[in-house]
Protein backbone atom coordinates (compact mmCIF):
# COMPACT_ATOMS: atom_id res chain seq x y z
CA MET A 1 56.15 145.22 132.61
CA ARG A 2 56.15 148.96 132.99
CA LYS A 3 55.43 149.48 129.43
CA MET A 4 52.71 146.83 129.32
CA ILE A 5 50.81 148.57 132.82
CA SER A 6 51.46 152.33 130.97
CA ARG A 7 49.18 151.17 127.74
CA ARG A 8 46.70 149.31 129.17
CA TYR A 9 46.05 152.83 131.49
CA PHE A 10 46.33 154.94 128.74
CA LEU A 11 43.65 152.36 126.57
CA ASP A 12 41.32 152.34 129.48
CA THR A 13 41.37 156.03 129.80
CA ALA A 14 42.43 158.58 126.98
CA ILE A 15 41.82 156.34 124.01
CA GLY A 16 38.27 155.23 125.96
CA ALA A 17 37.43 158.58 126.69
CA GLY A 18 38.22 160.34 123.10
CA LEU A 19 36.04 157.67 121.50
CA ALA A 20 33.34 158.38 123.85
CA ALA A 21 33.54 161.84 123.26
CA ARG A 22 34.19 162.03 119.60
CA ALA A 23 30.82 159.56 119.34
CA ALA A 24 28.72 161.88 121.70
CA ALA A 25 29.83 164.55 119.18
CA GLN A 26 29.16 163.16 115.94
CA ASP A 27 25.77 161.03 116.60
CA ARG A 28 24.23 162.16 119.51
CA THR A 29 20.72 160.35 118.28
CA VAL A 30 22.03 157.07 119.31
CA LEU A 31 21.82 157.77 122.73
CA GLU A 32 18.73 159.75 122.45
CA GLN A 33 15.82 157.97 125.46
CA VAL A 34 13.21 157.33 122.60
CA VAL A 35 11.03 155.51 125.22
CA PRO A 36 10.34 157.31 129.06
CA ASN A 37 11.53 155.01 131.09
CA ASN A 38 10.76 156.39 135.36
CA LEU A 39 10.79 152.78 136.69
CA GLN A 40 12.74 152.67 139.65
CA PRO A 41 13.92 148.92 140.10
CA ALA A 42 15.70 147.45 143.41
CA VAL A 43 18.93 146.08 142.45
CA SER A 44 20.52 144.79 145.52
CA ILE A 45 24.21 144.18 146.35
CA ALA A 46 25.60 141.47 148.95
CA HIS A 47 28.87 141.39 150.23
CA GLY A 48 30.65 138.69 152.06
CA ASP A 49 33.44 135.63 152.23
CA GLU A 50 31.11 132.73 151.06
CA ARG A 51 29.72 132.58 147.64
CA ARG A 52 26.54 130.56 148.57
CA ARG A 53 25.47 132.57 151.02
CA ILE A 54 25.58 136.27 149.68
CA VAL A 55 23.78 134.90 146.38
CA CYS A 56 21.23 133.74 148.71
CA GLU A 57 21.14 136.94 150.28
CA SER A 58 20.89 138.85 147.41
CA LEU A 59 18.00 137.64 146.44
CA THR A 60 16.07 137.88 149.74
CA ALA A 61 16.90 141.33 149.91
CA ILE A 62 14.40 141.73 146.58
CA ASP A 63 11.87 138.99 147.77
CA ASP A 64 9.30 141.61 147.48
CA GLN A 65 9.89 142.06 143.72
CA ILE A 66 9.65 138.36 143.37
CA ARG A 67 7.61 136.45 145.15
CA PRO A 68 4.40 138.20 143.49
CA VAL A 69 5.02 137.12 140.02
CA LEU A 70 7.05 133.39 141.40
CA LYS A 71 3.83 132.39 142.65
CA ARG A 72 1.97 132.33 139.43
CA LYS A 73 4.68 130.23 137.74
CA LYS A 74 4.24 126.41 137.07
CA TYR A 75 8.00 125.80 137.54
CA VAL A 76 11.75 127.58 137.22
CA VAL A 77 14.31 128.18 135.02
CA ILE A 78 18.01 128.28 136.33
CA LYS A 79 20.20 129.96 133.31
CA PRO A 80 23.72 129.56 134.15
CA ASN A 81 26.51 130.70 132.09
CA MET A 82 28.78 128.59 130.20
CA VAL A 83 30.75 129.99 128.03
CA SER A 84 33.19 127.23 128.59
CA THR A 85 32.71 123.82 129.59
CA GLU A 86 36.21 123.73 130.98
CA ASN A 87 37.54 126.84 132.58
CA GLN A 88 35.61 127.33 135.76
CA LEU A 89 36.56 130.80 136.00
CA ALA A 90 34.58 131.82 133.11
CA ALA A 91 31.30 129.58 134.05
CA THR A 92 28.67 129.50 136.62
CA HIS A 93 29.75 128.31 140.10
CA ALA A 94 27.95 125.10 141.46
CA GLY A 95 28.20 127.47 144.82
CA ALA A 96 25.85 130.44 143.00
CA LEU A 97 23.50 127.43 141.68
CA HIS A 98 23.06 126.49 145.45
CA GLY A 99 22.51 129.61 146.67
CA ILE A 100 19.72 130.34 144.32
CA LEU A 101 18.37 126.90 145.11
CA ASP A 102 18.54 128.03 148.86
CA TYR A 103 16.85 131.06 148.39
CA LEU A 104 13.73 129.24 146.54
CA GLU A 105 13.36 126.32 149.03
CA PRO A 106 11.12 128.15 151.34
CA ARG A 107 9.38 129.91 148.45
CA PHE A 108 8.85 127.33 145.64
CA LYS A 109 7.98 124.17 145.71
CA GLY A 110 7.28 123.61 141.58
CA PRO A 111 10.27 121.65 139.47
CA VAL A 112 13.58 123.26 138.84
CA ILE A 113 15.58 123.32 135.83
CA ILE A 114 18.92 124.21 135.44
CA ALA A 115 19.09 124.79 131.69
CA GLU A 116 22.03 126.13 129.09
CA ALA A 117 22.94 125.90 125.76
CA SER A 118 26.56 126.22 125.90
CA ALA A 119 28.73 126.57 122.51
CA GLY A 120 30.68 123.65 123.60
CA ASP A 121 28.54 120.25 124.90
CA THR A 122 26.70 121.09 127.46
CA LEU A 123 26.84 118.20 129.00
CA ASN A 124 30.48 118.20 129.79
CA GLY A 125 30.01 121.50 131.46
CA PHE A 126 27.65 120.20 133.71
CA GLU A 127 30.02 117.59 134.64
CA ASN A 128 33.23 119.24 134.98
CA PHE A 129 31.44 122.23 137.01
CA LYS A 130 29.60 119.59 139.31
CA TYR A 131 26.25 120.31 138.64
CA GLN A 132 24.66 116.95 139.12
CA GLN A 133 26.23 117.25 142.80
CA VAL A 134 23.87 120.45 143.09
CA VAL A 135 21.05 118.59 142.00
CA ASN A 136 22.17 115.65 144.33
CA GLU A 137 22.39 117.60 147.31
CA HIS A 138 18.71 118.92 146.77
CA ARG A 139 17.22 115.51 146.06
CA GLY A 140 14.25 116.18 148.20
CA ARG A 141 13.33 118.79 145.81
CA LYS A 142 12.28 118.46 141.73
CA VAL A 143 15.66 119.65 140.40
CA SER A 144 16.88 118.68 137.00
CA LEU A 145 19.51 119.52 134.74
CA LEU A 146 18.71 120.13 130.57
CA ASP A 147 20.79 120.71 127.89
CA LEU A 148 18.71 123.03 125.58
CA ASN A 149 20.93 121.93 122.60
CA ARG A 150 19.29 118.55 123.10
CA ASP A 151 15.97 119.30 123.80
CA GLY A 152 15.75 120.99 120.53
CA ARG A 153 12.65 123.44 120.79
CA TYR A 154 13.07 126.79 119.89
CA GLN A 155 11.07 129.71 118.43
CA THR A 156 12.90 131.83 116.09
CA ILE A 157 13.69 135.65 115.39
CA PRO A 158 15.26 137.81 112.51
CA LEU A 159 18.65 139.09 113.35
CA ILE A 160 20.99 141.11 110.88
CA ASP A 161 24.18 139.61 109.27
CA TYR A 162 27.58 141.37 108.67
CA ASP A 163 26.37 142.44 105.51
CA TRP A 164 22.85 143.80 107.37
CA HIS A 165 21.03 141.16 105.86
CA VAL A 166 18.34 139.58 107.48
CA THR A 167 19.03 136.08 109.13
CA PRO A 168 17.03 134.12 111.24
CA VAL A 169 18.09 132.49 114.95
CA ARG A 170 16.94 129.58 117.08
CA LEU A 171 16.31 130.65 120.59
CA ALA A 172 15.48 127.58 123.15
CA ALA A 173 11.74 127.42 123.66
CA HIS A 174 12.13 127.28 127.42
CA LEU A 175 13.52 130.59 127.59
CA LEU A 176 10.64 132.15 126.56
CA ASP A 177 7.97 130.03 128.04
CA PRO A 178 5.15 132.14 130.09
CA ASP A 179 4.93 129.18 132.56
CA ALA A 180 8.14 129.73 133.67
CA TYR A 181 9.92 132.08 136.21
CA VAL A 182 13.48 132.31 134.70
CA ILE A 183 16.88 133.18 136.92
CA CYS A 184 19.68 134.56 135.35
CA ALA A 185 22.92 133.05 136.78
CA ALA A 186 25.13 135.23 135.16
CA VAL A 187 28.90 135.75 136.36
CA MET A 188 31.05 139.14 136.26
CA LYS A 189 33.44 139.23 133.59
CA THR A 190 34.87 141.53 130.87
CA HIS A 191 34.23 140.80 127.61
CA ASN A 192 36.42 140.44 124.14
CA VAL A 193 33.02 142.66 122.05
CA THR A 194 30.89 144.03 124.63
CA VAL A 195 33.27 145.53 126.95
CA ALA A 196 31.24 143.49 130.00
CA THR A 197 29.16 140.59 130.18
CA MET A 198 26.55 139.90 132.89
CA SER A 199 22.77 139.47 133.07
CA VAL A 200 21.60 140.24 129.38
CA LYS A 201 24.90 139.31 127.79
CA ASN A 202 24.07 135.69 129.41
CA MET A 203 20.53 135.70 128.48
CA THR A 204 21.04 136.91 124.74
CA LEU A 205 23.62 134.51 123.51
CA GLY A 206 22.94 131.74 125.76
CA ALA A 207 19.60 131.26 124.21
CA PRO A 208 20.40 130.88 120.58
CA LEU A 209 20.61 127.01 119.66
CA ARG A 210 23.78 124.98 118.36
CA SER A 211 23.96 121.22 116.98
CA VAL A 212 24.72 118.56 119.29
CA PRO A 213 28.24 117.91 119.16
CA LYS A 214 28.98 115.00 116.96
CA GLN A 215 25.51 114.47 116.26
CA GLY A 216 24.65 115.20 112.28
CA PRO A 217 25.03 118.59 110.41
CA ASN A 218 27.13 121.07 112.80
CA TRP A 219 25.05 124.65 112.93
CA ASN A 220 25.61 127.31 115.65
CA ASP A 221 23.38 130.10 115.72
CA LYS A 222 25.32 131.64 118.48
CA ARG A 223 27.72 132.53 115.44
CA LYS A 224 25.32 134.70 113.84
CA TYR A 225 25.30 137.21 116.59
CA HIS A 226 29.25 138.20 116.13
CA ASN A 227 29.34 140.23 113.50
CA GLY A 228 30.92 143.40 113.63
CA VAL A 229 31.76 145.57 116.66
CA ARG A 230 28.53 147.34 116.12
CA GLY A 231 25.77 144.76 114.87
CA THR A 232 26.65 142.60 117.63
CA HIS A 233 25.51 144.81 120.10
CA TYR A 234 22.04 145.27 117.81
CA ASN A 235 21.73 141.53 117.60
CA MET A 236 21.86 141.52 121.39
CA PHE A 237 19.20 144.34 121.60
CA LEU A 238 16.86 142.85 119.31
CA THR A 239 17.39 139.38 121.51
CA ALA A 240 16.68 141.26 124.69
CA GLN A 241 13.33 142.86 123.33
CA LYS A 242 12.21 139.39 122.69
CA MET A 243 13.26 137.76 126.07
CA LYS A 244 12.38 140.46 128.29
CA PRO A 245 8.62 139.54 129.17
CA PHE A 246 9.96 136.35 129.94
CA TRP A 247 12.66 137.19 132.35
CA GLY A 248 12.04 136.51 135.97
CA ALA A 249 15.23 137.81 138.21
CA THR A 250 18.69 137.83 137.63
CA VAL A 251 21.80 137.22 139.97
CA ILE A 252 25.39 138.46 138.99
CA ASP A 253 27.90 136.11 140.68
CA GLY A 254 30.76 138.44 141.52
CA PHE A 255 32.36 136.73 144.32
CA GLU A 256 35.54 135.75 141.89
CA GLY A 257 35.16 137.95 138.53
CA MET A 258 37.04 137.95 135.50
CA GLU A 259 39.06 140.83 134.38
CA GLY A 260 41.62 141.41 131.03
CA ASN A 261 40.90 138.77 128.17
CA GLY A 262 37.33 137.55 129.20
CA PRO A 263 34.84 136.17 128.88
CA ALA A 264 36.76 133.16 128.90
CA SER A 265 40.53 133.30 129.32
CA GLY A 266 40.90 136.45 131.43
CA THR A 267 42.17 136.04 135.36
CA PRO A 268 40.37 136.54 138.73
CA VAL A 269 39.41 139.39 140.95
CA ALA A 270 38.12 138.47 144.37
CA SER A 271 35.29 141.40 144.26
CA ARG A 272 33.18 139.13 146.84
CA ILE A 273 29.98 140.40 145.72
CA ALA A 274 26.57 139.13 144.18
CA ILE A 275 24.18 141.33 142.74
CA ALA A 276 20.13 140.80 142.07
CA SER A 277 17.06 142.24 140.81
CA THR A 278 14.12 141.94 138.66
CA ASP A 279 15.31 144.04 136.23
CA TYR A 280 18.24 143.07 134.13
CA ILE A 281 19.51 146.18 132.75
CA ALA A 282 19.38 147.80 136.05
CA ALA A 283 21.37 144.54 137.46
CA ASP A 284 24.02 144.80 134.52
CA ARG A 285 24.29 148.96 135.14
CA VAL A 286 25.25 148.33 138.94
CA GLY A 287 27.30 145.37 138.24
CA VAL A 288 29.24 147.93 135.71
CA GLU A 289 29.72 150.15 138.23
CA CYS A 290 31.27 147.77 140.58
CA MET A 291 33.58 146.55 138.12
CA GLY A 292 34.88 150.78 137.72
CA ILE A 293 33.65 150.24 133.94
CA ASN A 294 32.29 153.59 131.89
CA PRO A 295 28.10 152.58 131.71
CA ASP A 296 28.52 154.60 128.12
CA TRP A 297 30.82 152.03 126.39
CA LEU A 298 28.26 149.01 126.52
CA GLY A 299 25.97 149.49 123.43
CA TYR A 300 23.81 146.93 123.88
CA LEU A 301 22.97 147.89 127.37
CA GLN A 302 22.26 151.53 125.92
CA TYR A 303 20.05 150.21 123.35
CA CYS A 304 17.96 148.24 125.81
CA SER A 305 17.75 151.23 128.21
CA GLN A 306 16.73 153.95 125.27
CA CYS A 307 13.64 151.33 123.97
CA GLY A 308 12.33 150.73 127.42
CA ILE A 309 13.68 147.75 128.20
CA GLY A 310 14.66 148.07 131.80
CA GLN A 311 16.38 150.83 133.78
CA TYR A 312 20.10 152.26 132.87
CA ASP A 313 19.78 155.35 134.64
CA LEU A 314 21.81 155.01 138.15
CA ALA A 315 19.96 157.76 139.69
CA LYS A 316 16.58 155.92 139.11
CA ILE A 317 17.81 152.99 140.60
CA SER A 318 17.25 151.82 144.38
CA VAL A 319 20.57 150.01 145.48
CA ARG A 320 19.85 147.88 148.03
CA GLY A 321 22.74 146.30 150.67
CA ALA A 322 26.22 146.91 150.50
CA LYS A 323 27.19 150.39 148.82
CA ILE A 324 28.34 150.44 145.46
CA ALA A 325 31.82 152.99 146.22
CA GLY A 326 32.16 150.51 149.09
CA VAL A 327 32.75 147.33 146.62
CA MET A 328 33.64 148.95 143.70
CA LYS A 329 37.11 147.41 142.01
CA LYS A 330 38.49 148.56 138.69
CA TYR A 331 38.55 145.88 136.75
CA ARG A 332 41.36 145.50 133.47
CA LEU A 333 39.68 145.28 130.01
CA HIS A 334 40.29 143.21 127.24
CA ARG A 335 43.59 143.93 125.21
CA ASP A 336 41.32 144.80 122.26
CA ILE A 337 39.35 147.65 124.43
CA GLU A 338 40.28 149.95 121.33
CA ARG A 339 38.40 148.35 118.74
CA GLU A 340 35.15 147.18 120.56
CA LEU A 341 34.46 151.05 121.57
CA LEU A 342 34.71 151.68 117.40
CA TRP A 343 30.31 150.68 118.00
CA MET A 344 30.44 154.02 119.27
CA GLY A 345 31.66 155.82 116.20
CA PRO A 346 30.04 156.71 112.95
CA MET A 347 28.65 154.11 110.13
CA GLU A 348 31.59 154.52 107.45
CA ASP A 349 30.82 151.57 105.39
CA LEU A 350 28.45 153.11 102.96
CA PRO A 351 28.86 156.49 101.01
CA PRO A 352 28.27 159.67 103.15
CA LYS A 353 25.97 161.17 100.47
CA LEU A 354 23.91 158.03 99.63
CA GLY A 355 20.41 158.98 98.69
CA MET A 356 21.66 162.68 98.19
CA GLY A 357 23.58 162.55 94.85
CA PRO A 358 22.37 163.98 91.30
CA ARG A 359 18.83 163.20 90.55
CA GLN A 360 18.72 159.76 88.28
CA PRO A 361 16.68 159.90 85.37
CA ASP A 362 13.41 158.12 86.43
CA ILE A 363 13.38 153.96 85.80
CA PRO A 364 9.89 152.31 84.34
CA VAL A 365 8.66 149.93 86.07
CA GLU A 366 6.38 147.41 84.40
CA ALA A 367 2.79 147.05 85.96
């Protein structure tokens, strides 16, 4: 056991720091801030011993940011995280949904849809995680469940595949509807490719559709995102760029987070917090800090920041409620963290002097 612990700390510190320093030295333009971003979003942190209560409190703390937009919308979509339809630790807890609905109760009287497009069978997840009981408890409201895969409506965007060829993916239409106020119900977890997963990861990998299990041809557009350690970050950025105009608020449920081999096979951490914001990038930055993770290591969030999708500069984020230092717990990272951080290094798949070699004879082109 002593050897395993020392290796984890080694990967977490020495190797990670070395890769980060080497990447910064070799390719500083990767992290260049292209779009000036002087926004100062509010991010709330609620801390306590009851999941439902702190989720509601985190949203109430930013009510001034939510209500002006919420009142203009026709319905609300709550997007849970259901990377697993079996493991509760890996998925949005019913208590978090209750907390969101408690916040909405006095503020919004329209329909509320709890909608997910799981990589498995979404309906199994609804049943296993007791989402129907959530709907039943709020029977006086217009709350319903929706499997976005079975709904089937979508918009397409182009991504890149492993060979950097264009490949289209189908994103759930309900998450791109200007009439909907979209609330992300994320879970605080480590990840096997992107270091950590919270708001942006939940939305960008939850929106792509797949075929309904055991009904017709089998396809899964989520698989198109997993195309190498660098391409995955870039595809998530492209998807966030498409989805950002439709994002309302996000809640990161860190009441019981996941460390180690997330996002589906890790172990629990009793962080006992909930984080909320209308800026998904800012919320994730605060979440990363609360997990004790180097924020430079999350490529997709850095890309989003570079292009103005949200605020990733902690100095420009107004934190309400609990202090980060008071709730921070250092999460143990995935066992593949060393390989995950290779996205930060130079691209070595092409000849380094491509396009700069000896001049070749001109090839005539037919008219």
